[in-house]
PDB file of N, CA and C in Angstrom:
ATOM      1  N   MET A   1     -60.426 -33.574 -10.095  1.00  0.00           N
ATOM      2  CA  MET A   1     -60.211 -33.389  -8.679  1.00  0.00           C
ATOM      3  C   MET A   1     -58.728 -33.108  -8.455  1.00  0.00           C
ATOM      4  N   SER A   2     -58.448 -32.137  -7.613  1.00  0.00           N
ATOM      5  CA  SER A   2     -57.050 -31.788  -7.347  1.00  0.00           C
ATOM      6  C   SER A   2     -56.362 -32.891  -6.549  1.00  0.00           C
ATOM      7  N   PHE A   3     -55.061 -32.879  -6.596  1.00  0.00           N
ATOM      8  CA  PHE A   3     -54.270 -33.883  -5.901  1.00  0.00           C
ATOM      9  C   PHE A   3     -54.535 -33.867  -4.401  1.00  0.00           C
ATOM     10  N   SER A   4     -54.587 -32.678  -3.806  1.00  0.00           N
ATOM     11  CA  SER A   4     -54.799 -32.591  -2.355  1.00  0.00           C
ATOM     12  C   SER A   4     -56.189 -33.085  -1.962  1.00  0.00           C
ATOM     13  N   LYS A   5     -57.200 -32.778  -2.777  1.00  0.00           N
ATOM     14  CA  LYS A   5     -58.552 -33.264  -2.497  1.00  0.00           C
ATOM     15  C   LYS A   5     -58.621 -34.774  -2.634  1.00  0.00           C
ATOM     16  N   SER A   6     -57.905 -35.298  -3.617  1.00  0.00           N
ATOM     17  CA  SER A   6     -57.875 -36.743  -3.818  1.00  0.00           C
ATOM     18  C   SER A   6     -57.224 -37.444  -2.627  1.00  0.00           C
ATOM     19  N   LYS A   7     -56.121 -36.904  -2.143  1.00  0.00           N
ATOM     20  CA  LYS A   7     -55.435 -37.480  -0.981  1.00  0.00           C
ATOM     21  C   LYS A   7     -56.306 -37.378   0.264  1.00  0.00           C
ATOM     22  N   ASN A   8     -57.001 -36.266   0.419  1.00  0.00           N
ATOM     23  CA  ASN A   8     -57.890 -36.078   1.554  1.00  0.00           C
ATOM     24  C   ASN A   8     -59.030 -37.100   1.514  1.00  0.00           C
ATOM     25  N   LEU A   9     -59.589 -37.315   0.338  1.00  0.00           N
ATOM     26  CA  LEU A   9     -60.654 -38.310   0.180  1.00  0.00           C
ATOM     27  C   LEU A   9     -60.143 -39.708   0.515  1.00  0.00           C
ATOM     28  N   GLU A  10     -58.949 -40.033   0.054  1.00  0.00           N
ATOM     29  CA  GLU A  10     -58.360 -41.346   0.356  1.00  0.00           C
ATOM     30  C   GLU A  10     -58.191 -41.534   1.867  1.00  0.00           C
ATOM     31  N   ARG A  11     -57.732 -40.501   2.558  1.00  0.00           N
ATOM     32  CA  ARG A  11     -57.565 -40.591   4.013  1.00  0.00           C
ATOM     33  C   ARG A  11     -58.904 -40.803   4.706  1.00  0.00           C
ATOM     34  N   LYS A  12     -59.915 -40.088   4.242  1.00  0.00           N
ATOM     35  CA  LYS A  12     -61.247 -40.246   4.832  1.00  0.00           C
ATOM     36  C   LYS A  12     -61.787 -41.649   4.585  1.00  0.00           C
ATOM     37  N   LEU A  13     -61.621 -42.140   3.370  1.00  0.00           N
ATOM     38  CA  LEU A  13     -62.072 -43.497   3.066  1.00  0.00           C
ATOM     39  C   LEU A  13     -61.324 -44.531   3.905  1.00  0.00           C
ATOM     40  N   ASP A  14     -60.024 -44.328   4.083  1.00  0.00           N
ATOM     41  CA  ASP A  14     -59.235 -45.232   4.932  1.00  0.00           C
ATOM     42  C   ASP A  14     -59.752 -45.229   6.363  1.00  0.00           C
ATOM     43  N   ASN A  15     -60.069 -44.042   6.878  1.00  0.00           N
ATOM     44  CA  ASN A  15     -60.597 -43.948   8.248  1.00  0.00           C
ATOM     45  C   ASN A  15     -61.941 -44.655   8.374  1.00  0.00           C
ATOM     46  N   PHE A  16     -62.820 -44.470   7.391  1.00  0.00           N
ATOM     47  CA  PHE A  16     -64.114 -45.153   7.408  1.00  0.00           C
ATOM     48  C   PHE A  16     -63.937 -46.666   7.343  1.00  0.00           C
ATOM     49  N   ALA A  17     -63.013 -47.113   6.497  1.00  0.00           N
ATOM     50  CA  ALA A  17     -62.767 -48.549   6.350  1.00  0.00           C
ATOM     51  C   ALA A  17     -62.201 -49.141   7.635  1.00  0.00           C
ATOM     52  N   LYS A  18     -61.280 -48.440   8.281  1.00  0.00           N
ATOM     53  CA  LYS A  18     -60.714 -48.930   9.545  1.00  0.00           C
ATOM     54  C   LYS A  18     -61.789 -49.036  10.619  1.00  0.00           C
ATOM     55  N   GLU A  19     -62.642 -48.029  10.698  1.00  0.00           N
ATOM     56  CA  GLU A  19     -63.719 -48.055  11.683  1.00  0.00           C
ATOM     57  C   GLU A  19     -64.664 -49.224  11.421  1.00  0.00           C
ATOM     58  N   ALA A  20     -65.021 -49.423  10.164  1.00  0.00           N
ATOM     59  CA  ALA A  20     -65.928 -50.516   9.813  1.00  0.00           C
ATOM     60  C   ALA A  20     -65.296 -51.870  10.132  1.00  0.00           C
ATOM     61  N   LYS A  21     -64.006 -52.030   9.816  1.00  0.00           N
ATOM     62  CA  LYS A  21     -63.325 -53.297  10.108  1.00  0.00           C
ATOM     63  C   LYS A  21     -63.223 -53.539  11.607  1.00  0.00           C
ATOM     64  N   ASN A  22     -62.926 -52.491  12.369  1.00  0.00           N
ATOM     65  CA  ASN A  22     -62.867 -52.638  13.825  1.00  0.00           C
ATOM     66  C   ASN A  22     -64.214 -53.055  14.393  1.00  0.00           C
ATOM     67  N   GLU A  23     -65.275 -52.435  13.912  1.00  0.00           N
ATOM     68  CA  GLU A  23     -66.620 -52.792  14.379  1.00  0.00           C
ATOM     69  C   GLU A  23     -66.956 -54.232  14.005  1.00  0.00           C
ATOM     70  N   LEU A  24     -66.602 -54.629  12.784  1.00  0.00           N
ATOM     71  CA  LEU A  24     -66.863 -56.005  12.366  1.00  0.00           C
ATOM     72  C   LEU A  24     -66.076 -57.003  13.206  1.00  0.00           C
ATOM     73  N   ASN A  25     -64.825 -56.676  13.506  1.00  0.00           N
ATOM     74  CA  ASN A  25     -64.024 -57.554  14.364  1.00  0.00           C
ATOM     75  C   ASN A  25     -64.651 -57.675  15.747  1.00  0.00           C
ATOM     76  N   ASN A  26     -65.175 -56.571  16.275  1.00  0.00           N
ATOM     77  CA  ASN A  26     -65.820 -56.596  17.585  1.00  0.00           C
ATOM     78  C   ASN A  26     -67.101 -57.418  17.562  1.00  0.00           C
ATOM     79  N   VAL A  27     -67.916 -57.205  16.560  1.00  0.00           N
ATOM     80  CA  VAL A  27     -69.196 -57.920  16.465  1.00  0.00           C
ATOM     81  C   VAL A  27     -68.970 -59.417  16.251  1.00  0.00           C
ATOM     82  N   CYS A  28     -68.023 -59.746  15.381  1.00  0.00           N
ATOM     83  CA  CYS A  28     -67.795 -61.146  15.013  1.00  0.00           C
ATOM     84  C   CYS A  28     -66.856 -61.863  15.978  1.00  0.00           C
ATOM     85  N   GLY A  29     -66.113 -61.125  16.760  1.00  0.00           N
ATOM     86  CA  GLY A  29     -65.190 -61.736  17.707  1.00  0.00           C
ATOM     87  C   GLY A  29     -63.866 -62.148  17.104  1.00  0.00           C
ATOM     88  N   SER A  30     -63.681 -61.918  15.819  1.00  0.00           N
ATOM     89  CA  SER A  30     -62.421 -62.229  15.151  1.00  0.00           C
ATOM     90  C   SER A  30     -62.426 -61.568  13.770  1.00  0.00           C
ATOM     91  N   SER A  31     -61.339 -61.759  13.043  1.00  0.00           N
ATOM     92  CA  SER A  31     -61.264 -61.206  11.694  1.00  0.00           C
ATOM     93  C   SER A  31     -61.546 -62.286  10.637  1.00  0.00           C
ATOM     94  N   LEU A  32     -62.110 -63.397  11.058  1.00  0.00           N
ATOM     95  CA  LEU A  32     -62.421 -64.489  10.140  1.00  0.00           C
ATOM     96  C   LEU A  32     -63.396 -64.060   9.049  1.00  0.00           C
ATOM     97  N   TRP A  33     -64.226 -63.091   9.341  1.00  0.00           N
ATOM     98  CA  TRP A  33     -65.193 -62.587   8.359  1.00  0.00           C
ATOM     99  C   TRP A  33     -64.507 -62.074   7.100  1.00  0.00           C
ATOM    100  N   GLU A  34     -63.240 -61.619   7.232  1.00  0.00           N
ATOM    101  CA  GLU A  34     -62.530 -61.069   6.078  1.00  0.00           C
ATOM    102  C   GLU A  34     -62.309 -62.121   4.995  1.00  0.00           C
ATOM    103  N   SER A  35     -62.092 -63.359   5.400  1.00  0.00           N
ATOM    104  CA  SER A  35     -61.877 -64.409   4.408  1.00  0.00           C
ATOM    105  C   SER A  35     -63.181 -65.063   3.960  1.00  0.00           C
ATOM    106  N   LEU A  36     -64.200 -65.025   4.804  1.00  0.00           N
ATOM    107  CA  LEU A  36     -65.466 -65.677   4.463  1.00  0.00           C
ATOM    108  C   LEU A  36     -66.518 -64.729   3.915  1.00  0.00           C
ATOM    109  N   GLY A  37     -66.366 -63.437   4.163  1.00  0.00           N
ATOM    110  CA  GLY A  37     -67.338 -62.467   3.691  1.00  0.00           C
ATOM    111  C   GLY A  37     -68.610 -62.494   4.522  1.00  0.00           C
ATOM    112  N   PHE A  38     -69.687 -62.022   3.908  1.00  0.00           N
ATOM    113  CA  PHE A  38     -70.938 -61.884   4.651  1.00  0.00           C
ATOM    114  C   PHE A  38     -71.543 -63.225   5.055  1.00  0.00           C
ATOM    115  N   VAL A  39     -71.092 -64.341   4.474  1.00  0.00           N
ATOM    116  CA  VAL A  39     -71.594 -65.669   4.847  1.00  0.00           C
ATOM    117  C   VAL A  39     -71.297 -65.937   6.324  1.00  0.00           C
ATOM    118  N   PHE A  40     -70.212 -65.377   6.818  1.00  0.00           N
ATOM    119  CA  PHE A  40     -69.834 -65.565   8.225  1.00  0.00           C
ATOM    120  C   PHE A  40     -70.901 -65.013   9.166  1.00  0.00           C
ATOM    121  N   PHE A  41     -71.605 -63.989   8.756  1.00  0.00           N
ATOM    122  CA  PHE A  41     -72.573 -63.327   9.634  1.00  0.00           C
ATOM    123  C   PHE A  41     -73.751 -64.237   9.977  1.00  0.00           C
ATOM    124  N   ASP A  42     -74.038 -65.204   9.119  1.00  0.00           N
ATOM    125  CA  ASP A  42     -75.116 -66.149   9.406  1.00  0.00           C
ATOM    126  C   ASP A  42     -74.801 -67.018  10.623  1.00  0.00           C
ATOM    127  N   GLN A  43     -73.526 -67.090  10.984  1.00  0.00           N
ATOM    128  CA  GLN A  43     -73.117 -67.888  12.141  1.00  0.00           C
ATOM    129  C   GLN A  43     -73.343 -67.154  13.459  1.00  0.00           C
ATOM    130  N   LEU A  44     -73.567 -65.862  13.390  1.00  0.00           N
ATOM    131  CA  LEU A  44     -73.803 -65.083  14.598  1.00  0.00           C
ATOM    132  C   LEU A  44     -75.169 -65.448  15.170  1.00  0.00           C
ATOM    133  N   GLU A  45     -75.258 -65.462  16.486  1.00  0.00           N
ATOM    134  CA  GLU A  45     -76.478 -65.934  17.127  1.00  0.00           C
ATOM    135  C   GLU A  45     -77.528 -64.849  17.343  1.00  0.00           C
ATOM    136  N   GLU A  46     -77.113 -63.630  17.556  1.00  0.00           N
ATOM    137  CA  GLU A  46     -78.052 -62.548  17.840  1.00  0.00           C
ATOM    138  C   GLU A  46     -78.382 -61.766  16.566  1.00  0.00           C
ATOM    139  N   SER A  47     -79.670 -61.508  16.373  1.00  0.00           N
ATOM    140  CA  SER A  47     -80.087 -60.775  15.177  1.00  0.00           C
ATOM    141  C   SER A  47     -79.527 -59.356  15.162  1.00  0.00           C
ATOM    142  N   GLU A  48     -79.318 -58.775  16.335  1.00  0.00           N
ATOM    143  CA  GLU A  48     -78.735 -57.429  16.414  1.00  0.00           C
ATOM    144  C   GLU A  48     -77.298 -57.434  15.892  1.00  0.00           C
ATOM    145  N   LYS A  49     -76.544 -58.468  16.225  1.00  0.00           N
ATOM    146  CA  LYS A  49     -75.166 -58.577  15.743  1.00  0.00           C
ATOM    147  C   LYS A  49     -75.137 -58.797  14.230  1.00  0.00           C
ATOM    148  N   ILE A  50     -76.069 -59.603  13.738  1.00  0.00           N
ATOM    149  CA  ILE A  50     -76.139 -59.849  12.295  1.00  0.00           C
ATOM    150  C   ILE A  50     -76.434 -58.544  11.561  1.00  0.00           C
ATOM    151  N   ALA A  51     -77.386 -57.780  12.079  1.00  0.00           N
ATOM    152  CA  ALA A  51     -77.738 -56.504  11.451  1.00  0.00           C
ATOM    153  C   ALA A  51     -76.562 -55.539  11.473  1.00  0.00           C
ATOM    154  N   LYS A  52     -75.869 -55.462  12.597  1.00  0.00           N
ATOM    155  CA  LYS A  52     -74.721 -54.550  12.708  1.00  0.00           C
ATOM    156  C   LYS A  52     -73.601 -54.985  11.767  1.00  0.00           C
ATOM    157  N   ALA A  53     -73.350 -56.288  11.684  1.00  0.00           N
ATOM    158  CA  ALA A  53     -72.308 -56.805  10.799  1.00  0.00           C
ATOM    159  C   ALA A  53     -72.658 -56.507   9.339  1.00  0.00           C
ATOM    160  N   ASN A  54     -73.910 -56.716   8.963  1.00  0.00           N
ATOM    161  CA  ASN A  54     -74.327 -56.424   7.595  1.00  0.00           C
ATOM    162  C   ASN A  54     -74.189 -54.941   7.270  1.00  0.00           C
ATOM    163  N   PHE A  55     -74.502 -54.084   8.228  1.00  0.00           N
ATOM    164  CA  PHE A  55     -74.378 -52.647   8.034  1.00  0.00           C
ATOM    165  C   PHE A  55     -72.925 -52.259   7.743  1.00  0.00           C
ATOM    166  N   TYR A  56     -72.003 -52.716   8.588  1.00  0.00           N
ATOM    167  CA  TYR A  56     -70.602 -52.334   8.409  1.00  0.00           C
ATOM    168  C   TYR A  56     -69.976 -53.004   7.187  1.00  0.00           C
ATOM    169  N   TYR A  57     -70.425 -54.200   6.871  1.00  0.00           N
ATOM    170  CA  TYR A  57     -69.930 -54.858   5.657  1.00  0.00           C
ATOM    171  C   TYR A  57     -70.404 -54.080   4.428  1.00  0.00           C
ATOM    172  N   GLY A  58     -71.631 -53.601   4.473  1.00  0.00           N
ATOM    173  CA  GLY A  58     -72.152 -52.766   3.399  1.00  0.00           C
ATOM    174  C   GLY A  58     -71.349 -51.493   3.239  1.00  0.00           C
ATOM    175  N   GLN A  59     -70.953 -50.903   4.373  1.00  0.00           N
ATOM    176  CA  GLN A  59     -70.109 -49.701   4.307  1.00  0.00           C
ATOM    177  C   GLN A  59     -68.795 -50.005   3.601  1.00  0.00           C
ATOM    178  N   LEU A  60     -68.188 -51.141   3.923  1.00  0.00           N
ATOM    179  CA  LEU A  60     -66.929 -51.512   3.270  1.00  0.00           C
ATOM    180  C   LEU A  60     -67.116 -51.699   1.771  1.00  0.00           C
ATOM    181  N   GLN A  61     -68.236 -52.271   1.373  1.00  0.00           N
ATOM    182  CA  GLN A  61     -68.515 -52.456  -0.046  1.00  0.00           C
ATOM    183  C   GLN A  61     -68.633 -51.102  -0.754  1.00  0.00           C
ATOM    184  N   ILE A  62     -69.318 -50.167  -0.120  1.00  0.00           N
ATOM    185  CA  ILE A  62     -69.464 -48.825  -0.701  1.00  0.00           C
ATOM    186  C   ILE A  62     -68.111 -48.134  -0.805  1.00  0.00           C
ATOM    187  N   ILE A  63     -67.287 -48.247   0.228  1.00  0.00           N
ATOM    188  CA  ILE A  63     -65.951 -47.650   0.213  1.00  0.00           C
ATOM    189  C   ILE A  63     -65.139 -48.225  -0.943  1.00  0.00           C
ATOM    190  N   ASN A  64     -65.208 -49.538  -1.134  1.00  0.00           N
ATOM    191  CA  ASN A  64     -64.479 -50.158  -2.233  1.00  0.00           C
ATOM    192  C   ASN A  64     -64.985 -49.684  -3.595  1.00  0.00           C
ATOM    193  N   GLU A  65     -66.290 -49.515  -3.734  1.00  0.00           N
ATOM    194  CA  GLU A  65     -66.853 -49.010  -4.983  1.00  0.00           C
ATOM    195  C   GLU A  65     -66.383 -47.580  -5.265  1.00  0.00           C
ATOM    196  N   ILE A  66     -66.341 -46.767  -4.224  1.00  0.00           N
ATOM    197  CA  ILE A  66     -65.875 -45.379  -4.389  1.00  0.00           C
ATOM    198  C   ILE A  66     -64.408 -45.380  -4.801  1.00  0.00           C
ATOM    199  N   ARG A  67     -63.604 -46.186  -4.138  1.00  0.00           N
ATOM    200  CA  ARG A  67     -62.174 -46.259  -4.495  1.00  0.00           C
ATOM    201  C   ARG A  67     -61.979 -46.702  -5.936  1.00  0.00           C
ATOM    202  N   PHE A  68     -62.784 -47.648  -6.378  1.00  0.00           N
ATOM    203  CA  PHE A  68     -62.673 -48.149  -7.733  1.00  0.00           C
ATOM    204  C   PHE A  68     -63.021 -47.075  -8.759  1.00  0.00           C
ATOM    205  N   SER A  69     -63.958 -46.208  -8.396  1.00  0.00           N
ATOM    206  CA  SER A  69     -64.413 -45.198  -9.355  1.00  0.00           C
ATOM    207  C   SER A  69     -63.558 -43.939  -9.374  1.00  0.00           C
ATOM    208  N   ILE A  70     -62.638 -43.799  -8.438  1.00  0.00           N
ATOM    209  CA  ILE A  70     -61.804 -42.597  -8.414  1.00  0.00           C
ATOM    210  C   ILE A  70     -60.692 -42.733  -9.439  1.00  0.00           C
TER     211      ILE A  70
END
């Protein structure tokens, strides 16, 4: 992969990660989930919030896997 494509991919991954973290902060009401991980989501009262939190946490996991493999 060329240097410019690699940098472009990194920027895109950063944007996806920021969006996912912002959504998780909104759903969870704080950034405490960052230190506790997905266990924090069990504390949420609404099943819709739990599902949304799991979705965005999954996105972050995929982003990290992609970064690791580059």
